Amino acid sequence: MIGILNYGVGNLKAFANIFKNLGFEHKIIEKGDDILSVDKLILPGVGSFDSVMNKLEQANVLEHLSKFALIEKRPLLGVCVGMQILANSSEEGKKKGLGWIKGNVKRFDFSQLSEKPMIPQIGWNEIEVVNKETDLLKNLGVNPHFYFLHSYYFECEDKKDIMASANYGLEFCSAVKRENVYGTQFHPEKSHHNGVQLLKNFALL
């Protein structure tokens, strides 16, 4: 069973529709107690770093999330800001992140570039798979493209936690992994066939 956490952010229905079409059991999680009733969990995120952390705290799910991911080691996938809050902190806000994958979230700085890309990055971009051993990014084909919408990126303290990278004026981390905790800066639920394949891979972990 795959859970999709509803704490007031993210396009839950898009994830649910993909899992339904793929034939995987899934449900939207409304309460912290229900988190431990699923085998895998999607942690969506849309908005600012601090607002997402505030919503998590207000939903009273942090203790259940920690038990799910850190103690019971069940697969968890953070998406967009849901990935960024896996870090220790962010230049976007003042609150502490979950700190499950050591690193900091930084704003794109194009001051040294003669041609400066637009911020935020909105649209399709190619990713390069760095960790060839991860099952989450298998069967995506050559030069897979995904849909991005962000002004900040995750800078990992340990480069081994980088699962994929992308380039937007500068190279940045587009996906992370530490043990059973995964994160994608891009939106798989908006990325057509590549996103569907990634979510299928997650369901099969």
C-alpha atoms as a PDB file:
ATOM      1  CA  MET A   1       0.000   0.000   0.000  1.00  0.00           C
ATOM      2  CA  ILE A   2       1.298   3.432  -0.998  1.00  0.00           C
ATOM      3  CA  GLY A   3       0.359   6.461   1.076  1.00  0.00           C
ATOM      4  CA  ILE A   4       0.174  10.050  -0.174  1.00  0.00           C
ATOM      5  CA  LEU A   5       0.435  12.440   2.751  1.00  0.00           C
ATOM      6  CA  ASN A   6      -2.146  15.236   2.826  1.00  0.00           C
ATOM      7  CA  TYR A   7      -0.917  18.051   5.033  1.00  0.00           C
ATOM      8  CA  GLY A   8      -2.245  20.894   2.902  1.00  0.00           C
ATOM      9  CA  VAL A   9       0.335  21.062   0.094  1.00  0.00           C
ATOM     10  CA  GLY A  10       0.883  19.268  -3.206  1.00  0.00           C
ATOM     11  CA  ASN A  11      -1.231  17.824  -5.996  1.00  0.00           C
ATOM     12  CA  LEU A  12      -2.429  14.674  -4.245  1.00  0.00           C
ATOM     13  CA  LYS A  13      -4.966  13.712  -6.904  1.00  0.00           C
ATOM     14  CA  ALA A  14      -2.313  13.603  -9.641  1.00  0.00           C
ATOM     15  CA  PHE A  15      -0.281  11.048  -7.673  1.00  0.00           C
ATOM     16  CA  ALA A  16      -3.412   9.058  -6.830  1.00  0.00           C
ATOM     17  CA  ASN A  17      -4.516   8.931 -10.484  1.00  0.00           C
ATOM     18  CA  ILE A  18      -1.133   7.633 -11.618  1.00  0.00           C
ATOM     19  CA  PHE A  19      -1.073   4.860  -9.014  1.00  0.00           C
ATOM     20  CA  LYS A  20      -4.684   3.991  -9.868  1.00  0.00           C
ATOM     21  CA  ASN A  21      -3.863   3.702 -13.570  1.00  0.00           C
ATOM     22  CA  LEU A  22      -0.821   1.577 -12.745  1.00  0.00           C
ATOM     23  CA  GLY A  23      -2.934  -0.729 -10.594  1.00  0.00           C
ATOM     24  CA  PHE A  24      -1.190  -0.102  -7.260  1.00  0.00           C
ATOM     25  CA  GLU A  25      -3.098   0.096  -4.000  1.00  0.00           C
ATOM     26  CA  HIS A  26      -2.860   3.582  -2.572  1.00  0.00           C
ATOM     27  CA  LYS A  27      -4.609   5.966  -0.222  1.00  0.00           C
ATOM     28  CA  ILE A  28      -4.394   9.581   0.850  1.00  0.00           C
ATOM     29  CA  ILE A  29      -3.179   9.854   4.435  1.00  0.00           C
ATOM     30  CA  GLU A  30      -5.011  12.444   6.530  1.00  0.00           C
ATOM     31  CA  LYS A  31      -3.767  11.619  10.053  1.00  0.00           C
ATOM     32  CA  GLY A  32      -0.410  10.830  11.574  1.00  0.00           C
ATOM     33  CA  ASP A  33      -1.663   7.549  12.993  1.00  0.00           C
ATOM     34  CA  ASP A  34      -2.392   6.323   9.469  1.00  0.00           C
ATOM     35  CA  ILE A  35       1.175   6.825   8.235  1.00  0.00           C
ATOM     36  CA  LEU A  36       2.302   3.526   9.712  1.00  0.00           C
ATOM     37  CA  SER A  37      -0.536   1.696   7.948  1.00  0.00           C
ATOM     38  CA  VAL A  38       1.194   1.981   4.542  1.00  0.00           C
ATOM     39  CA  ASP A  39       4.350   0.408   3.138  1.00  0.00           C
ATOM     40  CA  LYS A  40       5.614   3.407   1.168  1.00  0.00           C
ATOM     41  CA  LEU A  41       4.904   7.120   1.435  1.00  0.00           C
ATOM     42  CA  ILE A  42       4.865  10.136  -0.893  1.00  0.00           C
ATOM     43  CA  LEU A  43       5.711  13.445   0.798  1.00  0.00           C
ATOM     44  CA  PRO A  44       4.601  16.183  -1.619  1.00  0.00           C
ATOM     45  CA  GLY A  45       5.549  19.822  -1.194  1.00  0.00           C
ATOM     46  CA  VAL A  46       4.546  23.085  -2.850  1.00  0.00           C
ATOM     47  CA  GLY A  47       5.311  26.580  -1.563  1.00  0.00           C
ATOM     48  CA  SER A  48       8.063  27.981   0.621  1.00  0.00           C
ATOM     49  CA  PHE A  49      10.348  25.962   2.877  1.00  0.00           C
ATOM     50  CA  ASP A  50       9.076  27.493   6.129  1.00  0.00           C
ATOM     51  CA  SER A  51       5.405  27.236   5.166  1.00  0.00           C
ATOM     52  CA  VAL A  52       5.780  23.541   4.345  1.00  0.00           C
ATOM     53  CA  MET A  53       7.580  22.845   7.632  1.00  0.00           C
ATOM     54  CA  ASN A  54       4.875  24.797   9.490  1.00  0.00           C
ATOM     55  CA  LYS A  55       2.147  22.729   7.857  1.00  0.00           C
ATOM     56  CA  LEU A  56       3.926  19.497   8.801  1.00  0.00           C
ATOM     57  CA  GLU A  57       4.167  20.656  12.407  1.00  0.00           C
ATOM     58  CA  GLN A  58       0.525  21.769  12.479  1.00  0.00           C
ATOM     59  CA  ALA A  59      -0.569  18.404  11.091  1.00  0.00           C
ATOM     60  CA  ASN A  60       1.141  16.647  14.036  1.00  0.00           C
ATOM     61  CA  VAL A  61       2.787  14.061  11.798  1.00  0.00           C
ATOM     62  CA  LEU A  62       6.518  14.599  12.441  1.00  0.00           C
ATOM     63  CA  GLU A  63       6.832  11.861  15.064  1.00  0.00           C
ATOM     64  CA  HIS A  64       5.042   9.366  12.829  1.00  0.00           C
ATOM     65  CA  LEU A  65       7.130  10.371   9.805  1.00  0.00           C
ATOM     66  CA  SER A  66      10.355   9.863  11.746  1.00  0.00           C
ATOM     67  CA  LYS A  67       9.271   6.441  12.937  1.00  0.00           C
ATOM     68  CA  PHE A  68       8.211   5.487   9.396  1.00  0.00           C
ATOM     69  CA  ALA A  69      11.420   6.567   7.682  1.00  0.00           C
ATOM     70  CA  LEU A  70      14.177   6.494  10.292  1.00  0.00           C
ATOM     71  CA  ILE A  71      13.204   3.641  12.608  1.00  0.00           C
ATOM     72  CA  GLU A  72      11.180   1.275  10.431  1.00  0.00           C
ATOM     73  CA  LYS A  73      13.143   2.224   7.282  1.00  0.00           C
ATOM     74  CA  ARG A  74      10.169   2.185   4.931  1.00  0.00           C
ATOM     75  CA  PRO A  75      10.593   3.917   1.527  1.00  0.00           C
ATOM     76  CA  LEU A  76       9.682   7.607   1.500  1.00  0.00           C
ATOM     77  CA  LEU A  77       9.762   9.937  -1.513  1.00  0.00           C
ATOM     78  CA  GLY A  78       9.851  13.708  -1.011  1.00  0.00           C
ATOM     79  CA  VAL A  79       8.854  15.782  -4.056  1.00  0.00           C
ATOM     80  CA  CYS A  80       9.904  19.393  -4.809  1.00  0.00           C
ATOM     81  CA  VAL A  81       9.799  21.229  -1.451  1.00  0.00           C
ATOM     82  CA  GLY A  82       9.043  17.795   0.009  1.00  0.00           C
ATOM     83  CA  MET A  83      12.607  16.956  -1.052  1.00  0.00           C
ATOM     84  CA  GLN A  84      14.074  20.252   0.159  1.00  0.00           C
ATOM     85  CA  ILE A  85      12.754  19.813   3.708  1.00  0.00           C
ATOM     86  CA  LEU A  86      14.798  16.613   3.956  1.00  0.00           C
ATOM     87  CA  ALA A  87      17.803  18.960   4.316  1.00  0.00           C
ATOM     88  CA  ASN A  88      19.043  20.696   7.469  1.00  0.00           C
ATOM     89  CA  SER A  89      18.092  24.213   6.439  1.00  0.00           C
ATOM     90  CA  SER A  90      17.231  26.528   3.557  1.00  0.00           C
ATOM     91  CA  GLU A  91      18.233  30.017   2.454  1.00  0.00           C
ATOM     92  CA  GLU A  92      14.523  30.505   1.748  1.00  0.00           C
ATOM     93  CA  GLY A  93      13.567  30.499   5.420  1.00  0.00           C
ATOM     94  CA  LYS A  94      14.629  30.334   9.046  1.00  0.00           C
ATOM     95  CA  LYS A  95      13.139  27.040  10.186  1.00  0.00           C
ATOM     96  CA  LYS A  96      15.121  23.833  10.541  1.00  0.00           C
ATOM     97  CA  GLY A  97      14.450  21.074   8.044  1.00  0.00           C
ATOM     98  CA  LEU A  98      14.042  17.405   8.886  1.00  0.00           C
ATOM     99  CA  GLY A  99      17.807  16.860   8.533  1.00  0.00           C
ATOM    100  CA  TRP A 100      17.413  13.310   7.243  1.00  0.00           C
ATOM    101  CA  ILE A 101      19.855  13.978   4.389  1.00  0.00           C
ATOM    102  CA  LYS A 102      22.614  16.354   5.421  1.00  0.00           C
ATOM    103  CA  GLY A 103      22.776  19.492   3.326  1.00  0.00           C
ATOM    104  CA  ASN A 104      21.371  22.947   2.773  1.00  0.00           C
ATOM    105  CA  VAL A 105      18.923  24.378   0.259  1.00  0.00           C
ATOM    106  CA  LYS A 106      20.314  27.320  -1.702  1.00  0.00           C
ATOM    107  CA  ARG A 107      18.877  29.888  -4.076  1.00  0.00           C
ATOM    108  CA  PHE A 108      20.179  29.853  -7.623  1.00  0.00           C
ATOM    109  CA  ASP A 109      22.967  32.443  -7.901  1.00  0.00           C
ATOM    110  CA  PHE A 110      23.657  33.441 -11.495  1.00  0.00           C
ATOM    111  CA  SER A 111      25.643  36.579 -10.648  1.00  0.00           C
ATOM    112  CA  GLN A 112      28.806  35.222 -12.284  1.00  0.00           C
ATOM    113  CA  LEU A 113      27.058  34.277 -15.538  1.00  0.00           C
ATOM    114  CA  SER A 114      26.899  36.590 -18.532  1.00  0.00           C
ATOM    115  CA  GLU A 115      23.584  35.051 -19.594  1.00  0.00           C
ATOM    116  CA  LYS A 116      21.340  34.624 -16.585  1.00  0.00           C
ATOM    117  CA  PRO A 117      18.492  32.077 -16.711  1.00  0.00           C
ATOM    118  CA  MET A 118      15.072  33.074 -15.470  1.00  0.00           C
ATOM    119  CA  ILE A 119      14.149  32.369 -11.848  1.00  0.00           C
ATOM    120  CA  PRO A 120      12.210  30.271 -11.046  1.00  0.00           C
ATOM    121  CA  GLN A 121      13.077  27.458 -13.390  1.00  0.00           C
ATOM    122  CA  ILE A 122       9.746  26.495 -14.924  1.00  0.00           C
ATOM    123  CA  GLY A 123       9.433  23.670 -17.408  1.00  0.00           C
ATOM    124  CA  TRP A 124      11.212  20.635 -18.746  1.00  0.00           C
ATOM    125  CA  ASN A 125      14.843  19.837 -18.090  1.00  0.00           C
ATOM    126  CA  GLU A 126      17.070  16.846 -18.671  1.00  0.00           C
ATOM    127  CA  ILE A 127      18.483  14.954 -15.704  1.00  0.00           C
ATOM    128  CA  GLU A 128      21.670  12.937 -15.517  1.00  0.00           C
ATOM    129  CA  VAL A 129      21.514   9.832 -13.344  1.00  0.00           C
ATOM    130  CA  VAL A 130      24.561   9.877 -11.057  1.00  0.00           C
ATOM    131  CA  ASN A 131      23.754   6.823  -8.944  1.00  0.00           C
ATOM    132  CA  LYS A 132      23.345   4.055 -11.500  1.00  0.00           C
ATOM    133  CA  GLU A 133      22.485   1.526  -8.792  1.00  0.00           C
ATOM    134  CA  THR A 134      19.238   3.108  -7.638  1.00  0.00           C
ATOM    135  CA  ASP A 135      16.091   1.324  -8.762  1.00  0.00           C
ATOM    136  CA  LEU A 136      14.058   4.532  -8.552  1.00  0.00           C
ATOM    137  CA  LEU A 137      15.587   5.914 -11.770  1.00  0.00           C
ATOM    138  CA  LYS A 138      15.765   2.748 -13.854  1.00  0.00           C
ATOM    139  CA  ASN A 139      14.097   2.230 -17.248  1.00  0.00           C
ATOM    140  CA  LEU A 140      13.890   5.941 -17.974  1.00  0.00           C
ATOM    141  CA  GLY A 141      15.693   5.762 -21.290  1.00  0.00           C
ATOM    142  CA  VAL A 142      18.401   8.069 -22.606  1.00  0.00           C
ATOM    143  CA  ASN A 143      18.457  11.710 -21.475  1.00  0.00           C
ATOM    144  CA  PRO A 144      15.206  11.589 -19.482  1.00  0.00           C
ATOM    145  CA  HIS A 145      13.354  14.897 -19.072  1.00  0.00           C
ATOM    146  CA  PHE A 146      11.225  15.949 -16.107  1.00  0.00           C
ATOM    147  CA  TYR A 147       9.126  18.971 -15.187  1.00  0.00           C
ATOM    148  CA  PHE A 148      10.671  21.491 -12.752  1.00  0.00           C
ATOM    149  CA  LEU A 149       9.277  24.484 -10.885  1.00  0.00           C
ATOM    150  CA  HIS A 150      11.735  25.940  -8.352  1.00  0.00           C
ATOM    151  CA  SER A 151      14.091  28.765  -7.399  1.00  0.00           C
ATOM    152  CA  TYR A 152      16.114  26.795  -4.845  1.00  0.00           C
ATOM    153  CA  TYR A 153      18.133  23.598  -5.018  1.00  0.00           C
ATOM    154  CA  PHE A 154      19.451  20.991  -2.563  1.00  0.00           C
ATOM    155  CA  GLU A 155      23.214  21.079  -1.926  1.00  0.00           C
ATOM    156  CA  CYS A 156      24.210  17.755  -0.365  1.00  0.00           C
ATOM    157  CA  GLU A 157      26.924  17.634   2.267  1.00  0.00           C
ATOM    158  CA  ASP A 158      27.836  14.114   1.128  1.00  0.00           C
ATOM    159  CA  LYS A 159      28.040  13.810  -2.660  1.00  0.00           C
ATOM    160  CA  LYS A 160      27.159  10.119  -2.314  1.00  0.00           C
ATOM    161  CA  ASP A 161      23.597  11.214  -1.503  1.00  0.00           C
ATOM    162  CA  ILE A 162      23.167  12.725  -4.985  1.00  0.00           C
ATOM    163  CA  MET A 163      21.027  10.425  -7.113  1.00  0.00           C
ATOM    164  CA  ALA A 164      20.749  12.670 -10.185  1.00  0.00           C
ATOM    165  CA  SER A 165      21.833  16.101 -11.342  1.00  0.00           C
ATOM    166  CA  ALA A 166      20.606  18.665 -13.866  1.00  0.00           C
ATOM    167  CA  ASN A 167      21.905  21.901 -15.345  1.00  0.00           C
ATOM    168  CA  TYR A 168      20.212  25.287 -15.214  1.00  0.00           C
ATOM    169  CA  GLY A 169      22.982  27.805 -15.651  1.00  0.00           C
ATOM    170  CA  LEU A 170      24.905  25.693 -13.164  1.00  0.00           C
ATOM    171  CA  GLU A 171      24.862  22.014 -12.282  1.00  0.00           C
ATOM    172  CA  PHE A 172      22.596  21.208  -9.358  1.00  0.00           C
ATOM    173  CA  CYS A 173      21.268  18.170  -7.531  1.00  0.00           C
ATOM    174  CA  SER A 174      17.923  17.102  -8.980  1.00  0.00           C
ATOM    175  CA  ALA A 175      17.371  13.939  -6.915  1.00  0.00           C
ATOM    176  CA  VAL A 176      18.717  12.577  -3.631  1.00  0.00           C
ATOM    177  CA  LYS A 177      18.834   9.246  -1.835  1.00  0.00           C
ATOM    178  CA  ARG A 178      20.010   8.091   1.555  1.00  0.00           C
ATOM    179  CA  GLU A 179      19.103   4.508   2.381  1.00  0.00           C
ATOM    180  CA  ASN A 180      15.286   4.343   2.162  1.00  0.00           C
ATOM    181  CA  VAL A 181      14.723   8.108   1.867  1.00  0.00           C
ATOM    182  CA  TYR A 182      14.424   9.533  -1.650  1.00  0.00           C
ATOM    183  CA  GLY A 183      13.768  12.993  -3.010  1.00  0.00           C
ATOM    184  CA  THR A 184      13.201  14.593  -6.410  1.00  0.00           C
ATOM    185  CA  GLN A 185      13.382  18.323  -7.102  1.00  0.00           C
ATOM    186  CA  PHE A 186      11.271  17.773 -10.208  1.00  0.00           C
ATOM    187  CA  HIS A 187       7.594  16.807 -10.238  1.00  0.00           C
ATOM    188  CA  PRO A 188       7.127  13.184 -11.389  1.00  0.00           C
ATOM    189  CA  GLU A 189       3.337  13.628 -11.229  1.00  0.00           C
ATOM    190  CA  LYS A 190       3.639  16.292 -13.968  1.00  0.00           C
ATOM    191  CA  SER A 191       6.327  14.557 -16.049  1.00  0.00           C
ATOM    192  CA  HIS A 192       4.249  12.293 -18.305  1.00  0.00           C
ATOM    193  CA  HIS A 193       5.756   8.886 -19.157  1.00  0.00           C
ATOM    194  CA  ASN A 194       9.050   9.417 -17.306  1.00  0.00           C
ATOM    195  CA  GLY A 195       7.193  10.472 -14.190  1.00  0.00           C
ATOM    196  CA  VAL A 196       4.859   7.504 -14.452  1.00  0.00           C
ATOM    197  CA  GLN A 197       7.853   5.168 -14.783  1.00  0.00           C
ATOM    198  CA  LEU A 198       9.543   6.720 -11.749  1.00  0.00           C
ATOM    199  CA  LEU A 199       6.423   6.352  -9.603  1.00  0.00           C
ATOM    200  CA  LYS A 200       6.063   2.768 -10.828  1.00  0.00           C
ATOM    201  CA  ASN A 201       9.672   2.154  -9.777  1.00  0.00           C
ATOM    202  CA  PHE A 202       8.908   3.635  -6.360  1.00  0.00           C
ATOM    203  CA  ALA A 203       5.863   1.404  -5.950  1.00  0.00           C
ATOM    204  CA  LEU A 204       8.027  -1.639  -6.705  1.00  0.00           C
ATOM    205  CA  LEU A 205      10.865  -0.829  -4.288  1.00  0.00           C
END
